[in-house]
Amino acid sequence: MNIRTLLAPAALIIASFGTIHSASATEYRFIATDNSQETRLCVVAASNRLGKLKTEVNESAHSPRYQANSVRCNGASLAQFAHQYGADKTYRYLASHSMAKNKATENVTIRDLSASAASGSDEVVYVKVSSKQ
């Protein structure tokens, strides 16, 4: 048995999983309700733009730890807000600067991907973002 015979089924499984996964994607678009630096941090964190987040944090007068623990986004900490919208890169960065109470609580969700793929449930969700309460 040659290596091509072994790798072909694995490639087919990976390709079909990628198709099923992308068929049920929800795209989030964030709309800032004001032009404050804190709200900009919220939008960048939830958008999973790690480089931009680090730039915004470094341009601030406050430390990353202070911002991760004091800025609120729609009532949640920066890390929790990023996690809520699947922003894994920015979540990991923010969680490394966050106290335990400001980190996301991990949970597992089991979803029937075949049902989502059949319904073609691609959607865009607009989220208004504010650091003000």
N, C-alpha and C. Protein backbone atom coordinates (compact mmCIF):
# COMPACT_ATOMS: atom_id res chain seq x y z
N MET A 1 0.86 -1.17 0.00
CA MET A 1 0.00 0.00 0.00
C MET A 1 0.91 1.23 0.00
N ASN A 2 0.68 2.14 -0.93
CA ASN A 2 1.54 3.32 -0.99
C ASN A 2 0.96 4.47 -0.16
N ILE A 3 1.74 5.51 0.01
CA ILE A 3 1.36 6.63 0.87
C ILE A 3 0.15 7.39 0.31
N ARG A 4 0.01 7.46 -1.03
CA ARG A 4 -1.13 8.16 -1.63
C ARG A 4 -2.45 7.48 -1.29
N THR A 5 -2.43 6.17 -1.25
CA THR A 5 -3.64 5.42 -0.91
C THR A 5 -4.07 5.71 0.52
N LEU A 6 -3.12 5.90 1.42
CA LEU A 6 -3.43 6.18 2.81
C LEU A 6 -3.88 7.63 3.03
N LEU A 7 -3.29 8.56 2.31
CA LEU A 7 -3.58 9.98 2.53
C LEU A 7 -4.86 10.45 1.84
N ALA A 8 -5.27 9.82 0.76
CA ALA A 8 -6.46 10.27 0.03
C ALA A 8 -7.72 10.28 0.88
N PRO A 9 -8.05 9.21 1.63
CA PRO A 9 -9.24 9.26 2.48
C PRO A 9 -9.16 10.34 3.57
N ALA A 10 -7.98 10.53 4.13
CA ALA A 10 -7.82 11.56 5.16
C ALA A 10 -8.07 12.95 4.58
N ALA A 11 -7.56 13.20 3.39
CA ALA A 11 -7.78 14.50 2.74
C ALA A 11 -9.25 14.73 2.45
N LEU A 12 -9.95 13.69 2.04
CA LEU A 12 -11.38 13.79 1.75
C LEU A 12 -12.17 14.10 3.02
N ILE A 13 -11.82 13.46 4.12
CA ILE A 13 -12.50 13.71 5.39
C ILE A 13 -12.26 15.15 5.84
N ILE A 14 -11.02 15.62 5.77
CA ILE A 14 -10.70 16.99 6.17
C ILE A 14 -11.43 17.99 5.29
N ALA A 15 -11.45 17.78 3.99
CA ALA A 15 -12.12 18.69 3.06
C ALA A 15 -13.62 18.75 3.33
N SER A 16 -14.23 17.60 3.57
CA SER A 16 -15.67 17.62 3.81
C SER A 16 -16.00 18.24 5.17
N PHE A 17 -15.15 18.06 6.18
CA PHE A 17 -15.39 18.70 7.46
C PHE A 17 -15.32 20.22 7.32
N GLY A 18 -14.34 20.70 6.57
CA GLY A 18 -14.22 22.14 6.35
C GLY A 18 -15.45 22.71 5.67
N THR A 19 -16.05 21.97 4.75
CA THR A 19 -17.24 22.43 4.06
C THR A 19 -18.42 22.49 5.01
N ILE A 20 -18.59 21.47 5.83
CA ILE A 20 -19.70 21.45 6.78
C ILE A 20 -19.53 22.58 7.78
N HIS A 21 -18.31 22.77 8.27
CA HIS A 21 -18.06 23.79 9.28
C HIS A 21 -18.37 25.19 8.73
N SER A 22 -17.93 25.47 7.51
CA SER A 22 -18.12 26.82 6.98
C SER A 22 -19.57 27.06 6.56
N ALA A 23 -20.34 26.02 6.37
CA ALA A 23 -21.72 26.19 5.94
C ALA A 23 -22.60 26.76 7.04
N SER A 24 -22.17 26.66 8.30
CA SER A 24 -23.01 27.14 9.39
C SER A 24 -22.39 28.36 10.08
N ALA A 25 -21.61 29.13 9.35
CA ALA A 25 -20.91 30.27 9.95
C ALA A 25 -21.84 31.45 10.18
N THR A 26 -21.65 32.08 11.31
CA THR A 26 -22.32 33.34 11.61
C THR A 26 -21.26 34.42 11.59
N GLU A 27 -21.49 35.46 10.85
CA GLU A 27 -20.55 36.57 10.78
C GLU A 27 -21.08 37.70 11.66
N TYR A 28 -20.23 38.17 12.56
CA TYR A 28 -20.61 39.28 13.43
C TYR A 28 -19.97 40.56 12.92
N ARG A 29 -20.76 41.61 12.88
CA ARG A 29 -20.25 42.94 12.54
C ARG A 29 -20.57 43.85 13.71
N PHE A 30 -19.54 44.55 14.17
CA PHE A 30 -19.67 45.34 15.38
C PHE A 30 -19.79 46.82 15.05
N ILE A 31 -20.76 47.47 15.68
CA ILE A 31 -21.04 48.88 15.46
C ILE A 31 -20.80 49.63 16.77
N ALA A 32 -19.83 50.53 16.77
CA ALA A 32 -19.53 51.31 17.96
C ALA A 32 -20.61 52.36 18.17
N THR A 33 -21.10 52.47 19.39
CA THR A 33 -22.14 53.46 19.68
C THR A 33 -21.56 54.81 20.07
N ASP A 34 -20.23 54.85 20.29
CA ASP A 34 -19.54 56.12 20.56
C ASP A 34 -18.11 55.98 20.07
N ASN A 35 -17.35 57.06 20.17
CA ASN A 35 -15.99 57.05 19.64
C ASN A 35 -14.94 57.00 20.75
N SER A 36 -15.30 56.47 21.91
CA SER A 36 -14.34 56.41 23.01
C SER A 36 -13.30 55.32 22.75
N GLN A 37 -12.13 55.49 23.37
CA GLN A 37 -11.08 54.49 23.22
C GLN A 37 -11.53 53.13 23.75
N GLU A 38 -12.30 53.14 24.84
CA GLU A 38 -12.76 51.88 25.42
C GLU A 38 -13.68 51.13 24.46
N THR A 39 -14.59 51.84 23.81
CA THR A 39 -15.48 51.18 22.85
C THR A 39 -14.69 50.67 21.65
N ARG A 40 -13.69 51.42 21.21
CA ARG A 40 -12.83 50.94 20.12
C ARG A 40 -12.12 49.65 20.53
N LEU A 41 -11.66 49.59 21.79
CA LEU A 41 -11.03 48.36 22.28
C LEU A 41 -12.01 47.19 22.23
N CYS A 42 -13.24 47.44 22.60
CA CYS A 42 -14.27 46.39 22.58
C CYS A 42 -14.47 45.86 21.16
N VAL A 43 -14.60 46.76 20.20
CA VAL A 43 -14.84 46.36 18.81
C VAL A 43 -13.65 45.58 18.26
N VAL A 44 -12.44 46.06 18.53
CA VAL A 44 -11.23 45.38 18.04
C VAL A 44 -11.09 44.00 18.69
N ALA A 45 -11.36 43.91 19.99
CA ALA A 45 -11.24 42.62 20.70
C ALA A 45 -12.23 41.60 20.13
N ALA A 46 -13.48 42.00 19.94
CA ALA A 46 -14.49 41.07 19.44
C ALA A 46 -14.26 40.71 17.97
N SER A 47 -13.57 41.59 17.23
CA SER A 47 -13.28 41.34 15.81
C SER A 47 -12.07 40.44 15.62
N ASN A 48 -11.42 40.06 16.72
CA ASN A 48 -10.28 39.13 16.70
C ASN A 48 -9.07 39.71 15.96
N ARG A 49 -8.87 41.01 16.08
CA ARG A 49 -7.75 41.69 15.42
C ARG A 49 -6.65 41.94 16.46
N LEU A 50 -5.83 40.92 16.68
CA LEU A 50 -4.83 40.94 17.75
C LEU A 50 -3.81 42.06 17.58
N GLY A 51 -3.29 42.24 16.39
CA GLY A 51 -2.30 43.29 16.16
C GLY A 51 -2.87 44.67 16.47
N LYS A 52 -4.06 44.93 16.00
CA LYS A 52 -4.73 46.22 16.25
C LYS A 52 -5.01 46.39 17.73
N LEU A 53 -5.42 45.31 18.42
CA LEU A 53 -5.69 45.38 19.85
C LEU A 53 -4.43 45.76 20.61
N LYS A 54 -3.31 45.12 20.29
CA LYS A 54 -2.05 45.43 20.97
C LYS A 54 -1.63 46.87 20.71
N THR A 55 -1.85 47.36 19.49
CA THR A 55 -1.53 48.76 19.18
C THR A 55 -2.37 49.70 20.02
N GLU A 56 -3.69 49.45 20.08
CA GLU A 56 -4.59 50.29 20.87
C GLU A 56 -4.20 50.27 22.35
N VAL A 57 -3.88 49.11 22.88
CA VAL A 57 -3.51 48.98 24.29
C VAL A 57 -2.21 49.73 24.56
N ASN A 58 -1.23 49.59 23.67
CA ASN A 58 0.06 50.25 23.87
C ASN A 58 -0.02 51.77 23.73
N GLU A 59 -0.99 52.27 22.96
CA GLU A 59 -1.15 53.72 22.80
C GLU A 59 -1.89 54.34 23.98
N SER A 60 -2.41 53.52 24.84
CA SER A 60 -3.16 54.00 26.01
C SER A 60 -2.20 54.36 27.14
N ALA A 61 -2.68 55.18 28.05
CA ALA A 61 -1.88 55.54 29.22
C ALA A 61 -1.91 54.44 30.28
N HIS A 62 -2.79 53.44 30.11
CA HIS A 62 -2.96 52.38 31.10
C HIS A 62 -2.32 51.08 30.62
N SER A 63 -1.98 50.23 31.57
CA SER A 63 -1.35 48.94 31.26
C SER A 63 -2.37 47.97 30.67
N PRO A 64 -1.89 46.94 29.97
CA PRO A 64 -2.81 45.91 29.46
C PRO A 64 -3.62 45.26 30.58
N ARG A 65 -2.99 45.02 31.73
CA ARG A 65 -3.69 44.39 32.86
C ARG A 65 -4.82 45.30 33.35
N TYR A 66 -4.55 46.59 33.46
CA TYR A 66 -5.58 47.52 33.91
C TYR A 66 -6.76 47.52 32.93
N GLN A 67 -6.48 47.60 31.65
CA GLN A 67 -7.55 47.65 30.66
C GLN A 67 -8.34 46.35 30.61
N ALA A 68 -7.65 45.22 30.68
CA ALA A 68 -8.33 43.92 30.64
C ALA A 68 -9.28 43.75 31.81
N ASN A 69 -8.97 44.39 32.93
CA ASN A 69 -9.79 44.22 34.12
C ASN A 69 -10.75 45.37 34.41
N SER A 70 -10.64 46.47 33.69
CA SER A 70 -11.51 47.61 33.99
C SER A 70 -12.46 47.99 32.85
N VAL A 71 -12.09 47.76 31.61
CA VAL A 71 -12.96 48.13 30.49
C VAL A 71 -14.11 47.13 30.40
N ARG A 72 -15.31 47.65 30.23
CA ARG A 72 -16.51 46.83 30.08
C ARG A 72 -17.08 47.02 28.69
N CYS A 73 -17.51 45.94 28.09
CA CYS A 73 -18.10 45.94 26.75
C CYS A 73 -19.50 45.33 26.85
N ASN A 74 -20.50 46.15 26.70
CA ASN A 74 -21.89 45.69 26.84
C ASN A 74 -22.07 44.90 28.14
N GLY A 75 -21.40 45.36 29.19
CA GLY A 75 -21.54 44.75 30.51
C GLY A 75 -20.56 43.63 30.82
N ALA A 76 -19.76 43.20 29.86
CA ALA A 76 -18.79 42.11 30.06
C ALA A 76 -17.37 42.67 30.04
N SER A 77 -16.43 41.92 30.60
CA SER A 77 -15.03 42.32 30.51
C SER A 77 -14.57 42.18 29.06
N LEU A 78 -13.44 42.79 28.73
CA LEU A 78 -12.91 42.69 27.36
C LEU A 78 -12.73 41.22 26.96
N ALA A 79 -12.12 40.42 27.84
CA ALA A 79 -11.87 39.01 27.52
C ALA A 79 -13.18 38.24 27.34
N GLN A 80 -14.13 38.45 28.23
CA GLN A 80 -15.42 37.77 28.12
C GLN A 80 -16.14 38.16 26.82
N PHE A 81 -16.06 39.44 26.47
CA PHE A 81 -16.71 39.92 25.25
C PHE A 81 -16.07 39.29 24.02
N ALA A 82 -14.74 39.24 23.97
CA ALA A 82 -14.04 38.60 22.86
C ALA A 82 -14.42 37.12 22.76
N HIS A 83 -14.45 36.44 23.88
CA HIS A 83 -14.80 35.02 23.91
C HIS A 83 -16.23 34.78 23.44
N GLN A 84 -17.13 35.67 23.82
CA GLN A 84 -18.55 35.53 23.45
C GLN A 84 -18.74 35.48 21.93
N TYR A 85 -17.86 36.16 21.19
CA TYR A 85 -17.99 36.20 19.74
C TYR A 85 -16.93 35.37 19.02
N GLY A 86 -16.30 34.45 19.75
CA GLY A 86 -15.37 33.50 19.15
C GLY A 86 -14.04 34.10 18.71
N ALA A 87 -13.65 35.21 19.31
CA ALA A 87 -12.39 35.86 18.95
C ALA A 87 -11.26 35.23 19.76
N ASP A 88 -10.78 34.09 19.30
CA ASP A 88 -9.84 33.29 20.08
C ASP A 88 -8.48 33.94 20.29
N LYS A 89 -7.95 34.62 19.27
CA LYS A 89 -6.62 35.23 19.41
C LYS A 89 -6.64 36.37 20.42
N THR A 90 -7.60 37.26 20.30
CA THR A 90 -7.67 38.38 21.24
C THR A 90 -8.08 37.89 22.63
N TYR A 91 -8.92 36.86 22.70
CA TYR A 91 -9.30 36.32 24.01
C TYR A 91 -8.08 35.81 24.75
N ARG A 92 -7.24 35.02 24.09
CA ARG A 92 -6.05 34.46 24.75
C ARG A 92 -5.15 35.59 25.28
N TYR A 93 -4.96 36.63 24.47
CA TYR A 93 -4.13 37.76 24.89
C TYR A 93 -4.75 38.45 26.11
N LEU A 94 -6.04 38.76 26.02
CA LEU A 94 -6.72 39.46 27.12
C LEU A 94 -6.80 38.59 28.38
N ALA A 95 -7.06 37.31 28.21
CA ALA A 95 -7.15 36.40 29.36
C ALA A 95 -5.83 36.32 30.10
N SER A 96 -4.71 36.44 29.39
CA SER A 96 -3.40 36.40 30.05
C SER A 96 -3.17 37.61 30.94
N HIS A 97 -3.95 38.68 30.74
CA HIS A 97 -3.84 39.89 31.57
C HIS A 97 -5.02 40.05 32.52
N SER A 98 -5.96 39.12 32.50
CA SER A 98 -7.20 39.26 33.27
C SER A 98 -7.17 38.49 34.58
N MET A 99 -7.88 39.04 35.57
CA MET A 99 -8.11 38.30 36.80
C MET A 99 -9.12 37.19 36.50
N ALA A 100 -9.19 36.20 37.34
CA ALA A 100 -10.07 35.05 37.11
C ALA A 100 -11.53 35.46 36.88
N LYS A 101 -12.01 36.43 37.63
CA LYS A 101 -13.42 36.83 37.49
C LYS A 101 -13.72 37.49 36.14
N ASN A 102 -12.68 37.96 35.42
CA ASN A 102 -12.87 38.62 34.14
C ASN A 102 -12.58 37.72 32.94
N LYS A 103 -12.28 36.45 33.21
CA LYS A 103 -12.09 35.48 32.13
C LYS A 103 -13.42 34.82 31.83
N ALA A 104 -13.50 34.25 30.65
CA ALA A 104 -14.74 33.56 30.25
C ALA A 104 -14.82 32.20 30.94
N THR A 105 -16.03 31.79 31.22
CA THR A 105 -16.28 30.46 31.73
C THR A 105 -16.42 29.54 30.54
N GLU A 106 -15.57 28.54 30.47
CA GLU A 106 -15.59 27.62 29.34
C GLU A 106 -16.79 26.70 29.43
N ASN A 107 -17.42 26.43 28.29
CA ASN A 107 -18.50 25.47 28.24
C ASN A 107 -18.46 24.75 26.90
N VAL A 108 -19.14 23.66 26.82
CA VAL A 108 -19.18 22.85 25.61
C VAL A 108 -20.59 22.87 25.06
N THR A 109 -20.70 23.12 23.76
CA THR A 109 -22.00 23.10 23.09
C THR A 109 -21.94 22.06 21.99
N ILE A 110 -22.91 21.19 21.95
CA ILE A 110 -22.99 20.19 20.89
C ILE A 110 -24.07 20.64 19.93
N ARG A 111 -23.67 20.80 18.65
CA ARG A 111 -24.58 21.31 17.65
C ARG A 111 -24.61 20.34 16.46
N ASP A 112 -25.76 20.11 15.91
CA ASP A 112 -25.91 19.23 14.76
C ASP A 112 -25.51 20.02 13.51
N LEU A 113 -24.26 19.81 13.05
CA LEU A 113 -23.76 20.54 11.89
C LEU A 113 -24.46 20.14 10.60
N SER A 114 -24.93 18.91 10.51
CA SER A 114 -25.60 18.50 9.28
C SER A 114 -26.91 19.25 9.10
N ALA A 115 -27.62 19.55 10.18
CA ALA A 115 -28.87 20.31 10.09
C ALA A 115 -28.58 21.75 9.69
N SER A 116 -27.51 22.34 10.24
CA SER A 116 -27.14 23.71 9.88
C SER A 116 -26.72 23.79 8.43
N ALA A 117 -25.96 22.80 7.96
CA ALA A 117 -25.48 22.82 6.58
C ALA A 117 -26.64 22.68 5.61
N ALA A 118 -27.63 21.86 5.97
CA ALA A 118 -28.77 21.65 5.08
C ALA A 118 -29.62 22.90 4.95
N SER A 119 -29.72 23.68 6.02
CA SER A 119 -30.56 24.87 5.96
C SER A 119 -29.84 26.07 5.38
N GLY A 120 -28.52 25.97 5.15
CA GLY A 120 -27.77 27.09 4.61
C GLY A 120 -27.86 28.31 5.49
N SER A 121 -27.51 28.16 6.76
CA SER A 121 -27.78 29.19 7.75
C SER A 121 -26.69 30.24 7.88
N ASP A 122 -26.02 30.60 6.80
CA ASP A 122 -25.08 31.71 6.86
C ASP A 122 -25.85 32.97 7.17
N GLU A 123 -25.38 33.72 8.14
CA GLU A 123 -26.08 34.94 8.49
C GLU A 123 -25.10 35.98 8.99
N VAL A 124 -25.50 37.24 8.89
CA VAL A 124 -24.73 38.34 9.42
C VAL A 124 -25.51 38.92 10.59
N VAL A 125 -24.85 39.06 11.72
CA VAL A 125 -25.46 39.60 12.92
C VAL A 125 -24.75 40.91 13.26
N TYR A 126 -25.50 41.99 13.39
CA TYR A 126 -24.94 43.29 13.76
C TYR A 126 -25.06 43.44 15.27
N VAL A 127 -23.96 43.82 15.92
CA VAL A 127 -23.92 43.96 17.36
C VAL A 127 -23.51 45.40 17.70
N LYS A 128 -24.38 46.12 18.41
CA LYS A 128 -24.04 47.45 18.88
C LYS A 128 -23.15 47.30 20.11
N VAL A 129 -22.05 48.06 20.14
CA VAL A 129 -21.06 47.92 21.19
C VAL A 129 -20.89 49.24 21.91
N SER A 130 -20.88 49.16 23.24
CA SER A 130 -20.65 50.34 24.06
C SER A 130 -19.85 49.96 25.30
N SER A 131 -18.94 50.84 25.69
CA SER A 131 -18.23 50.64 26.94
C SER A 131 -18.92 51.38 28.07
N LYS A 132 -19.94 52.12 27.73
CA LYS A 132 -20.70 52.89 28.73
C LYS A 132 -21.90 52.08 29.18
N GLN A 133 -22.27 52.21 30.44
CA GLN A 133 -23.45 51.49 30.96
C GLN A 133 -24.59 52.43 31.16
